[in-house]
Amino acid sequence: TLSDGQWQQVTFPNMNAYGDYQVKESPDGRYLAVLRNVADRRYSLIIMDLVNKDLVVEKPINFFAAAIVWQPDSQNLALSSFKGDFYHYSIRHDTMTEQQGSQPGLNDVFYRCGADCFYMRSHHMNYTDIKEIPNPFDATPYLATLSLESKDAEFNPIYNQNGDTLYFTSKDEMQARI
């Protein structure tokens, strides 16, 4: 919690695999989608109801998803991988459908721009250039205001919808946790 600097572990994977490595809160702040490594090359999508403190979804997925983008209705989300996998999941219908036209080189969905419109990364094997740019869709000036000093804190820190909580992956040689 940013206001008081308190830490709270959100997920408890209780397994022998790597654990939880990615998280995204729904637009209405009700759900938390978590990507979990449950065993060697086996993964799951976990969705927690933050209001009722219930586990809503625990769905095996057949690829290493690296990115999550929620739809505005907070009932549907998109998952993508570095290798070009791109799927849509519906909480209401408990269905996972593959996006037609997904392909290697088009990866890591990071923004929804409309119905069936997403911003994704196009990767051309250039591992040396890292560039941070302001969000072009946010009129608020971009200022770095937060620094977390932890040797294990890394991998895509994400604010919640209210801007008062920060989710991030803490990982060491043995396990990852949100």
Protein backbone atom coordinates (compact mmCIF):
# COMPACT_ATOMS: atom_id res chain seq x y z
CA THR A 1 0.00 0.00 0.00
CA LEU A 2 1.59 3.21 -1.14
CA SER A 3 0.02 5.48 1.50
CA ASP A 4 1.53 3.65 4.48
CA GLY A 5 4.38 1.66 2.89
CA GLN A 6 3.00 -1.67 4.10
CA TRP A 7 3.73 -4.91 2.23
CA GLN A 8 1.19 -7.71 1.88
CA GLN A 9 1.62 -10.94 -0.05
CA VAL A 10 -1.40 -11.30 -2.34
CA THR A 11 -1.05 -14.82 -3.71
CA PHE A 12 0.02 -18.05 -2.06
CA PRO A 13 0.85 -20.59 -4.79
CA ASN A 14 1.97 -23.41 -2.41
CA MET A 15 3.65 -25.45 -5.13
CA ASN A 16 7.01 -26.74 -6.30
CA ALA A 17 7.09 -24.78 -9.56
CA TYR A 18 8.16 -21.18 -10.11
CA GLY A 19 4.86 -19.65 -8.98
CA ASP A 20 3.10 -16.40 -9.83
CA TYR A 21 4.87 -14.13 -12.30
CA GLN A 22 2.37 -11.65 -13.80
CA VAL A 23 -0.72 -9.81 -12.53
CA LYS A 24 -3.29 -7.28 -13.76
CA GLU A 25 -6.27 -5.79 -11.93
CA SER A 26 -9.58 -5.44 -13.79
CA PRO A 27 -10.78 -1.93 -14.78
CA ASP A 28 -13.47 -1.96 -12.08
CA GLY A 29 -10.93 -3.05 -9.42
CA ARG A 30 -12.91 -6.18 -8.58
CA TYR A 31 -10.75 -8.92 -10.10
CA LEU A 32 -7.07 -9.73 -10.08
CA ALA A 33 -5.80 -11.89 -12.97
CA VAL A 34 -2.63 -13.82 -12.13
CA LEU A 35 -0.42 -15.93 -14.39
CA ARG A 36 1.10 -18.90 -12.58
CA ASN A 37 3.75 -21.47 -13.46
CA VAL A 38 2.41 -24.67 -11.85
CA ALA A 39 5.00 -27.16 -13.14
CA ASP A 40 7.68 -27.48 -15.80
CA ARG A 41 6.13 -25.85 -18.93
CA ARG A 42 2.65 -25.87 -17.36
CA TYR A 43 0.78 -22.64 -16.64
CA SER A 44 -2.55 -21.43 -15.29
CA LEU A 45 -4.68 -18.32 -15.38
CA ILE A 46 -5.94 -17.52 -11.88
CA ILE A 47 -8.63 -14.87 -11.32
CA MET A 48 -9.32 -13.69 -7.79
CA ASP A 49 -12.37 -11.72 -6.69
CA LEU A 50 -10.83 -8.96 -4.55
CA VAL A 51 -14.21 -7.91 -3.12
CA ASN A 52 -15.41 -11.33 -1.93
CA LYS A 53 -11.89 -12.77 -1.44
CA ASP A 54 -12.80 -15.77 -3.62
CA LEU A 55 -10.93 -17.70 -6.28
CA VAL A 56 -13.14 -17.30 -9.37
CA VAL A 57 -11.05 -18.99 -12.06
CA GLU A 58 -8.20 -21.48 -12.11
CA LYS A 59 -7.76 -22.36 -15.79
CA PRO A 60 -4.83 -24.30 -17.26
CA ILE A 61 -3.33 -22.61 -20.33
CA ASN A 62 -1.16 -24.35 -22.91
CA PHE A 63 1.43 -21.60 -23.42
CA PHE A 64 3.71 -19.30 -21.45
CA ALA A 65 1.56 -16.16 -21.34
CA ALA A 66 3.54 -13.02 -20.61
CA ALA A 67 0.97 -10.23 -20.83
CA ILE A 68 -2.63 -9.54 -19.75
CA VAL A 69 -5.02 -6.81 -20.95
CA TRP A 70 -8.54 -6.52 -19.53
CA GLN A 71 -11.55 -5.41 -21.56
CA PRO A 72 -13.56 -2.46 -20.10
CA ASP A 73 -16.39 -4.79 -18.98
CA SER A 74 -14.05 -6.50 -16.46
CA GLN A 75 -15.41 -9.86 -17.68
CA ASN A 76 -13.04 -10.50 -20.60
CA LEU A 77 -9.30 -10.31 -21.00
CA ALA A 78 -6.60 -10.96 -23.56
CA LEU A 79 -3.46 -13.04 -22.92
CA SER A 80 -0.40 -13.09 -25.12
CA SER A 81 3.05 -14.61 -25.22
CA PHE A 82 6.47 -13.67 -26.50
CA LYS A 83 6.14 -16.39 -29.15
CA GLY A 84 2.97 -14.96 -30.72
CA ASP A 85 0.22 -16.82 -28.85
CA PHE A 86 -2.83 -14.56 -28.39
CA TYR A 87 -6.01 -15.70 -26.63
CA HIS A 88 -9.20 -14.16 -25.21
CA TYR A 89 -10.73 -15.41 -21.96
CA SER A 90 -14.33 -14.81 -20.81
CA ILE A 91 -15.14 -15.12 -17.08
CA ARG A 92 -18.87 -15.16 -17.82
CA HIS A 93 -18.64 -18.07 -20.30
CA ASP A 94 -15.44 -19.70 -18.98
CA THR A 95 -14.07 -19.89 -22.52
CA MET A 96 -10.59 -19.40 -23.93
CA THR A 97 -10.48 -18.61 -27.66
CA GLU A 98 -7.48 -18.07 -29.89
CA GLN A 99 -7.19 -14.79 -31.78
CA GLN A 100 -7.11 -15.47 -35.51
CA GLY A 101 -4.04 -14.07 -37.26
CA SER A 102 -1.68 -14.32 -34.28
CA GLN A 103 1.85 -15.11 -35.36
CA PRO A 104 5.44 -15.22 -34.10
CA GLY A 105 7.01 -11.79 -33.95
CA LEU A 106 3.74 -10.13 -32.91
CA ASN A 107 3.67 -10.42 -29.13
CA ASP A 108 3.07 -9.03 -25.65
CA VAL A 109 -0.28 -7.22 -25.85
CA PHE A 110 -0.09 -4.13 -23.63
CA TYR A 111 -3.06 -1.87 -24.44
CA ARG A 112 -6.64 -2.12 -25.67
CA CYS A 113 -7.58 0.54 -28.22
CA GLY A 114 -11.13 -0.57 -29.08
CA ALA A 115 -13.26 -3.59 -29.87
CA ASP A 116 -10.83 -6.22 -31.19
CA CYS A 117 -8.10 -3.57 -31.33
CA PHE A 118 -4.91 -4.01 -29.33
CA TYR A 119 -1.45 -2.54 -29.17
CA MET A 120 1.20 -5.24 -29.23
CA ARG A 121 4.91 -5.37 -29.56
CA SER A 122 6.56 -6.43 -32.78
CA HIS A 123 9.82 -8.16 -31.99
CA HIS A 124 12.67 -8.43 -34.46
CA MET A 125 15.25 -10.07 -32.19
CA ASN A 126 16.83 -6.77 -31.09
CA TYR A 127 17.72 -7.44 -27.46
CA THR A 128 19.95 -4.43 -26.85
CA ASP A 129 17.60 -1.42 -27.12
CA ILE A 130 15.45 -0.57 -24.12
CA LYS A 131 13.49 2.65 -24.30
CA GLU A 132 10.92 3.97 -21.85
CA ILE A 133 8.40 6.40 -23.29
CA PRO A 134 5.36 8.16 -21.77
CA ASN A 135 1.94 6.65 -22.42
CA PRO A 136 0.74 8.52 -25.53
CA PHE A 137 -2.89 8.03 -24.44
CA ASP A 138 -2.53 9.73 -21.06
CA ALA A 139 -2.59 13.54 -20.91
CA THR A 140 -0.97 13.49 -17.46
CA PRO A 141 2.71 14.48 -17.57
CA TYR A 142 5.05 11.55 -17.06
CA LEU A 143 7.12 11.84 -13.89
CA ALA A 144 9.08 9.15 -12.08
CA THR A 145 7.83 9.34 -8.49
CA LEU A 146 8.41 5.89 -7.04
CA SER A 147 11.49 3.88 -6.26
CA LEU A 148 11.34 0.39 -4.78
CA GLU A 149 14.58 -0.84 -3.33
CA SER A 150 14.46 -4.61 -3.27
CA LYS A 151 16.91 -7.00 -4.85
CA ASP A 152 14.03 -9.34 -5.75
CA ALA A 153 11.42 -6.78 -6.97
CA GLU A 154 11.10 -6.78 -10.72
CA PHE A 155 8.97 -7.57 -13.75
CA ASN A 156 6.36 -5.03 -14.78
CA PRO A 157 5.14 -3.17 -11.68
CA ILE A 158 1.49 -2.24 -12.22
CA TYR A 159 -0.70 0.21 -10.29
CA ASN A 160 -4.23 -0.76 -9.29
CA GLN A 161 -7.20 1.20 -10.67
CA ASN A 162 -7.21 3.71 -7.76
CA GLY A 163 -3.47 4.34 -8.00
CA ASP A 164 -2.86 3.56 -4.31
CA THR A 165 -1.45 0.04 -4.66
CA LEU A 166 1.38 -1.35 -6.75
CA TYR A 167 1.50 -5.01 -7.86
CA PHE A 168 4.85 -6.51 -8.84
CA THR A 169 6.61 -9.85 -9.07
CA SER A 170 9.21 -10.65 -6.45
CA LYS A 171 11.40 -13.48 -7.61
CA ASP A 172 14.53 -15.25 -6.50
CA GLU A 173 16.34 -18.36 -7.69
CA MET A 174 13.57 -20.67 -6.44
CA GLN A 175 10.18 -18.98 -6.77
CA ALA A 176 8.15 -15.98 -7.86
CA ARG A 177 5.42 -14.27 -5.84
CA ILE A 178 3.06 -11.32 -6.40
